[in-house]
Amino acid sequence: MTLKDVQSPTRMLGSLGDRLRRAVGHRDYTRFIVLSRSRTGSNMLISFLNSHPDILVEGEVLAKLNGRDHRDILARVYGKQPHHVKAKGFKVFYYHPQDGDPDSLLADLIGQRDLRVIHLKRRNILRTLISRKIAAAQDVWAVTTSTPTEIARRKAVRLSVEELEDGFRQTRAWEERGDAAFSGHRTVSIYYEDLVASPEASFETILGFLDLPYRPLETNHRRQNPEHLEDLVTNYGELKAAFAGTPWQDFFED
C-alpha cells in the first residue's frame, strides 16, 4: 500500500458526509404537477424537464391505484429528495386514478396550497383525438429517436362525428375544470404547439415558474404524428364538412 492509496481523514469525512446527506435527503424543494390529458405531449415535456439537473419528474404514478391509497403515493412522491433536487413533480391526468375516485384525489391536490401546477394543453383538440386513436391502434404511446420507422408510419384512422363531438366537449370541460380547481394556486399554461415550435421560450417560462435557472433542455422524444390531417384520417373531408360552422371548425385547418 502506498500513501496514494490512503485517504486523508478530511477526505474520508467529506465522503461520509456526502453519503449521509444523500441518505437523509431534504424537503426544501418546489412541489408541482403536470396536469393534462393523454396525447398532449406530456411524455416529451417530462423528458425535457428530467434533463435539467435540478428537476425530478415522475410519470403517471396515480393512473391506477391497484388497491393503494393515493395519499400514500403522494407522501412517497413528495417525501425527502436528494439534495440536488430543487423541484419534484409528477404527471397526472384529469381522470386519474382510473380505478379510484378522481374527485378525492383532486381535493387532496387542491389542499396542498404550496403545490404549483403546469397545465399542459393542446390548442388543436382534433389532433389530440387523432393521436389517441392512432396510439391505441398501434399500441405505441411515445416515439423516440430509436423507434423503428415502420412503426411510426403505420397510421390513418377513421373517426365518427359523434366521437369527435364528445371528445371536443369532454376535453374542453376537463381543461376548464382544471383551471377553476387550481385558481388559488400558482399555475402556468403550456401548449404543446408552443413546446414544439419554440421550445426555448417554453423552457424559459417553465423554469422561471419553478424558480430555477435557465439552461437548454434535451429529449429523445419526437413528434408522433406530424403529417397533414387529411393523411391521418381516412374520412377527413366528411368530418371537416360536418363541423363547418361549429365552434370546432378551426381544428380542421393545418
Protein backbone atom coordinates (compact mmCIF):
# COMPACT_ATOMS: atom_id res chain seq x y z
CA MET A 1 0.00 0.00 0.00
CA THR A 2 1.26 3.45 -0.87
CA LEU A 3 0.41 6.86 0.52
CA LYS A 4 -1.66 7.34 -2.61
CA ASP A 5 -3.96 4.52 -1.54
CA VAL A 6 -4.67 6.03 1.89
CA GLN A 7 -7.41 8.65 2.11
CA SER A 8 -6.85 11.58 4.44
CA PRO A 9 -9.25 11.87 7.43
CA THR A 10 -10.66 15.08 5.94
CA ARG A 11 -11.39 13.38 2.63
CA MET A 12 -12.93 10.38 4.36
CA LEU A 13 -15.17 12.59 6.49
CA GLY A 14 -16.20 14.61 3.46
CA SER A 15 -17.10 11.44 1.57
CA LEU A 16 -19.07 10.16 4.55
CA GLY A 17 -20.87 13.49 4.83
CA ASP A 18 -21.87 13.35 1.17
CA ARG A 19 -23.29 9.86 1.64
CA LEU A 20 -25.21 10.92 4.73
CA ARG A 21 -26.69 13.95 3.00
CA ARG A 22 -27.83 11.78 0.11
CA ALA A 23 -29.35 9.26 2.52
CA VAL A 24 -31.11 11.83 4.67
CA GLY A 25 -32.39 13.99 1.83
CA HIS A 26 -34.39 17.19 2.20
CA ARG A 27 -37.90 18.61 1.83
CA ASP A 28 -36.99 22.16 0.86
CA TYR A 29 -37.94 21.87 -2.80
CA THR A 30 -40.74 23.08 -5.07
CA ARG A 31 -43.61 20.62 -5.46
CA PHE A 32 -45.50 20.62 -8.74
CA ILE A 33 -47.71 18.57 -11.04
CA VAL A 34 -48.06 18.42 -14.80
CA LEU A 35 -51.84 18.43 -15.25
CA SER A 36 -53.20 17.29 -18.59
CA ARG A 37 -55.00 14.61 -20.57
CA SER A 38 -53.44 11.96 -22.81
CA ARG A 39 -51.84 12.88 -26.16
CA THR A 40 -50.82 16.45 -25.34
CA GLY A 41 -47.06 15.92 -25.40
CA SER A 42 -46.70 15.10 -21.71
CA ASN A 43 -44.07 12.40 -22.31
CA MET A 44 -42.00 14.87 -24.30
CA LEU A 45 -42.36 17.59 -21.66
CA ILE A 46 -41.37 15.28 -18.81
CA SER A 47 -38.38 14.05 -20.78
CA PHE A 48 -37.28 17.65 -21.32
CA LEU A 49 -37.73 18.54 -17.63
CA ASN A 50 -35.81 15.49 -16.42
CA SER A 51 -32.81 16.64 -18.45
CA HIS A 52 -32.46 19.57 -16.00
CA PRO A 53 -30.15 18.60 -13.12
CA ASP A 54 -32.36 20.31 -10.50
CA ILE A 55 -35.66 18.69 -11.56
CA LEU A 56 -37.11 15.23 -10.97
CA VAL A 57 -40.44 14.33 -12.57
CA GLU A 58 -42.23 11.00 -12.29
CA GLY A 59 -44.82 9.67 -14.71
CA GLU A 60 -48.43 8.59 -14.20
CA VAL A 61 -47.94 7.32 -10.65
CA LEU A 62 -51.65 7.72 -9.89
CA ALA A 63 -53.09 6.29 -13.10
CA LYS A 64 -54.16 3.14 -11.25
CA LEU A 65 -54.12 2.59 -7.52
CA ASN A 66 -54.42 -1.22 -7.51
CA GLY A 67 -55.87 -1.12 -4.01
CA ARG A 68 -53.47 1.50 -2.65
CA ASP A 69 -54.39 4.80 -1.03
CA HIS A 70 -53.49 7.76 -3.25
CA ARG A 71 -52.39 9.66 -0.14
CA ASP A 72 -49.63 7.12 0.46
CA ILE A 73 -48.40 7.58 -3.10
CA LEU A 74 -48.42 11.36 -2.73
CA ALA A 75 -46.47 11.06 0.52
CA ARG A 76 -43.82 9.00 -1.26
CA VAL A 77 -43.60 11.29 -4.29
CA TYR A 78 -43.25 14.36 -2.09
CA GLY A 79 -41.05 12.74 0.52
CA LYS A 80 -37.40 13.56 1.14
CA GLN A 81 -35.38 14.07 -2.03
CA PRO A 82 -31.65 14.05 -2.84
CA HIS A 83 -30.13 17.46 -2.20
CA HIS A 84 -29.61 18.23 -5.89
CA VAL A 85 -33.40 18.14 -6.46
CA LYS A 86 -34.86 21.64 -6.33
CA ALA A 87 -38.23 20.79 -7.91
CA LYS A 88 -40.13 17.50 -7.77
CA GLY A 89 -43.29 16.62 -9.62
CA PHE A 90 -45.31 14.02 -11.46
CA LYS A 91 -47.79 13.77 -14.29
CA VAL A 92 -51.50 13.48 -13.52
CA PHE A 93 -54.39 13.33 -15.96
CA TYR A 94 -57.77 14.87 -15.16
CA TYR A 95 -59.35 11.41 -14.83
CA HIS A 96 -56.75 9.76 -12.59
CA PRO A 97 -56.99 7.38 -10.87
CA GLN A 98 -58.84 5.23 -13.39
CA ASP A 99 -59.68 2.67 -10.70
CA GLY A 100 -60.49 5.13 -7.93
CA ASP A 101 -62.12 8.46 -7.17
CA PRO A 102 -60.66 11.35 -9.22
CA ASP A 103 -62.61 13.88 -7.15
CA SER A 104 -60.97 12.70 -3.93
CA LEU A 105 -57.50 12.95 -5.48
CA LEU A 106 -58.29 16.39 -6.88
CA ALA A 107 -59.45 17.60 -3.47
CA ASP A 108 -56.21 16.44 -1.83
CA LEU A 109 -54.09 18.10 -4.53
CA ILE A 110 -56.03 21.34 -4.14
CA GLY A 111 -55.44 21.10 -0.39
CA GLN A 112 -51.67 21.30 -0.93
CA ARG A 113 -51.51 25.07 -1.04
CA ASP A 114 -47.83 25.23 -1.98
CA LEU A 115 -48.35 22.94 -5.00
CA ARG A 116 -47.58 24.53 -8.36
CA VAL A 117 -49.41 23.45 -11.50
CA ILE A 118 -48.08 23.21 -15.04
CA HIS A 119 -51.30 22.89 -17.04
CA LEU A 120 -50.37 21.28 -20.34
CA LYS A 121 -52.90 21.70 -23.14
CA ARG A 122 -53.13 21.30 -26.88
CA ARG A 123 -54.84 24.02 -28.89
CA ASN A 124 -55.95 21.64 -31.63
CA ILE A 125 -58.06 19.07 -29.79
CA LEU A 126 -58.68 17.24 -33.09
CA ARG A 127 -55.01 16.30 -33.24
CA THR A 128 -55.24 15.09 -29.63
CA LEU A 129 -58.12 12.77 -30.52
CA ILE A 130 -56.45 11.55 -33.71
CA SER A 131 -53.24 10.87 -31.82
CA ARG A 132 -55.19 8.94 -29.16
CA LYS A 133 -56.86 6.77 -31.81
CA ILE A 134 -53.58 6.04 -33.61
CA ALA A 135 -51.73 5.26 -30.38
CA ALA A 136 -54.45 2.83 -29.31
CA ALA A 137 -54.46 1.13 -32.71
CA GLN A 138 -50.66 0.79 -32.77
CA ASP A 139 -50.18 0.34 -29.02
CA VAL A 140 -47.35 2.87 -29.39
CA TRP A 141 -47.69 5.71 -26.89
CA ALA A 142 -44.40 7.53 -27.41
CA VAL A 143 -41.96 7.85 -30.29
CA THR A 144 -38.26 8.40 -29.67
CA THR A 145 -35.24 8.55 -31.92
CA SER A 146 -34.90 4.78 -31.51
CA THR A 147 -38.48 3.89 -32.53
CA PRO A 148 -38.47 1.80 -35.75
CA THR A 149 -39.61 3.90 -38.72
CA GLU A 150 -42.10 1.29 -39.91
CA ILE A 151 -43.97 1.55 -36.58
CA ALA A 152 -44.08 5.32 -36.71
CA ARG A 153 -45.55 5.18 -40.23
CA ARG A 154 -48.45 2.77 -39.62
CA LYS A 155 -51.24 5.32 -39.43
CA ALA A 156 -54.54 6.55 -40.91
CA VAL A 157 -57.64 6.02 -38.80
CA ARG A 158 -61.37 6.62 -39.18
CA LEU A 159 -63.34 8.69 -36.67
CA SER A 160 -67.04 9.35 -36.34
CA VAL A 161 -68.71 12.73 -35.94
CA GLU A 162 -70.14 11.59 -32.61
CA GLU A 163 -66.83 10.54 -31.06
CA LEU A 164 -65.19 13.79 -32.14
CA GLU A 165 -68.05 15.88 -30.76
CA ASP A 166 -67.84 14.01 -27.44
CA GLY A 167 -64.05 14.32 -27.40
CA PHE A 168 -64.07 18.05 -28.11
CA ARG A 169 -66.60 18.79 -25.38
CA GLN A 170 -65.04 16.47 -22.79
CA THR A 171 -61.53 17.81 -23.30
CA ARG A 172 -62.66 21.42 -23.08
CA ALA A 173 -64.64 20.63 -19.91
CA TRP A 174 -61.58 18.96 -18.34
CA GLU A 175 -59.39 21.96 -19.16
CA GLU A 176 -61.87 24.44 -17.71
CA ARG A 177 -62.36 22.37 -14.59
CA GLY A 178 -58.60 22.13 -14.11
CA ASP A 179 -58.20 25.90 -14.43
CA ALA A 180 -61.01 26.51 -11.96
CA ALA A 181 -59.84 23.89 -9.45
CA PHE A 182 -56.35 25.37 -9.15
CA SER A 183 -57.31 29.03 -9.48
CA GLY A 184 -55.90 29.64 -5.99
CA HIS A 185 -52.53 28.07 -6.81
CA ARG A 186 -49.54 29.24 -8.78
CA THR A 187 -50.23 27.90 -12.26
CA VAL A 188 -48.89 28.25 -15.77
CA SER A 189 -50.50 27.04 -19.00
CA ILE A 190 -48.17 25.48 -21.57
CA TYR A 191 -49.34 24.50 -25.04
CA TYR A 192 -47.97 21.56 -26.99
CA GLU A 193 -47.83 23.61 -30.17
CA ASP A 194 -45.55 26.18 -28.49
CA LEU A 195 -43.40 23.45 -26.96
CA VAL A 196 -42.73 22.08 -30.44
CA ALA A 197 -42.46 25.39 -32.32
CA SER A 198 -40.38 27.35 -29.81
CA PRO A 199 -39.09 25.03 -27.09
CA GLU A 200 -36.58 27.52 -25.68
CA ALA A 201 -39.32 30.06 -24.94
CA SER A 202 -41.44 27.34 -23.28
CA PHE A 203 -38.47 26.18 -21.19
CA GLU A 204 -37.74 29.73 -20.07
CA THR A 205 -41.36 30.12 -18.95
CA ILE A 206 -41.44 26.81 -17.08
CA LEU A 207 -38.06 27.17 -15.40
CA GLY A 208 -38.92 30.71 -14.31
CA PHE A 209 -42.20 29.38 -12.94
CA LEU A 210 -40.26 26.79 -10.90
CA ASP A 211 -37.73 29.43 -9.75
CA LEU A 212 -34.88 27.59 -11.44
CA PRO A 213 -32.06 28.92 -13.60
CA TYR A 214 -32.48 28.60 -17.35
CA ARG A 215 -30.48 26.04 -19.24
CA PRO A 216 -31.10 24.28 -22.56
CA LEU A 217 -33.13 21.11 -22.11
CA GLU A 218 -32.92 17.94 -24.16
CA THR A 219 -35.12 15.00 -25.14
CA ASN A 220 -35.02 11.96 -27.40
CA HIS A 221 -38.80 12.14 -27.90
CA ARG A 222 -40.14 13.38 -31.21
CA ARG A 223 -43.49 14.25 -32.71
CA GLN A 224 -45.53 11.14 -33.26
CA ASN A 225 -47.96 12.38 -35.93
CA PRO A 226 -46.56 15.38 -37.82
CA GLU A 227 -48.40 14.57 -41.07
CA HIS A 228 -51.21 16.67 -42.50
CA LEU A 229 -54.64 15.95 -41.07
CA GLU A 230 -56.01 14.55 -44.32
CA ASP A 231 -53.18 11.99 -44.33
CA LEU A 232 -54.06 10.81 -40.82
CA VAL A 233 -57.86 10.49 -41.10
CA THR A 234 -59.43 8.41 -43.87
CA ASN A 235 -62.76 10.30 -43.73
CA TYR A 236 -61.25 13.73 -43.14
CA GLY A 237 -63.33 15.50 -45.81
CA GLU A 238 -66.57 14.17 -44.35
CA LEU A 239 -65.64 15.31 -40.85
CA LYS A 240 -64.47 18.74 -41.95
CA ALA A 241 -67.80 19.32 -43.70
CA ALA A 242 -69.75 18.08 -40.66
CA PHE A 243 -68.05 20.55 -38.30
CA ALA A 244 -68.15 23.58 -40.62
CA GLY A 245 -69.85 26.48 -38.85
CA THR A 246 -69.38 24.95 -35.39
CA PRO A 247 -67.09 26.13 -32.55
CA TRP A 248 -64.72 23.31 -33.57
CA GLN A 249 -64.27 24.15 -37.24
CA ASP A 250 -60.82 25.73 -36.81
CA PHE A 251 -59.41 22.36 -35.63
CA PHE A 252 -59.66 21.16 -39.25
CA GLU A 253 -57.14 23.70 -40.54
CA ASP A 254 -53.48 22.63 -40.53
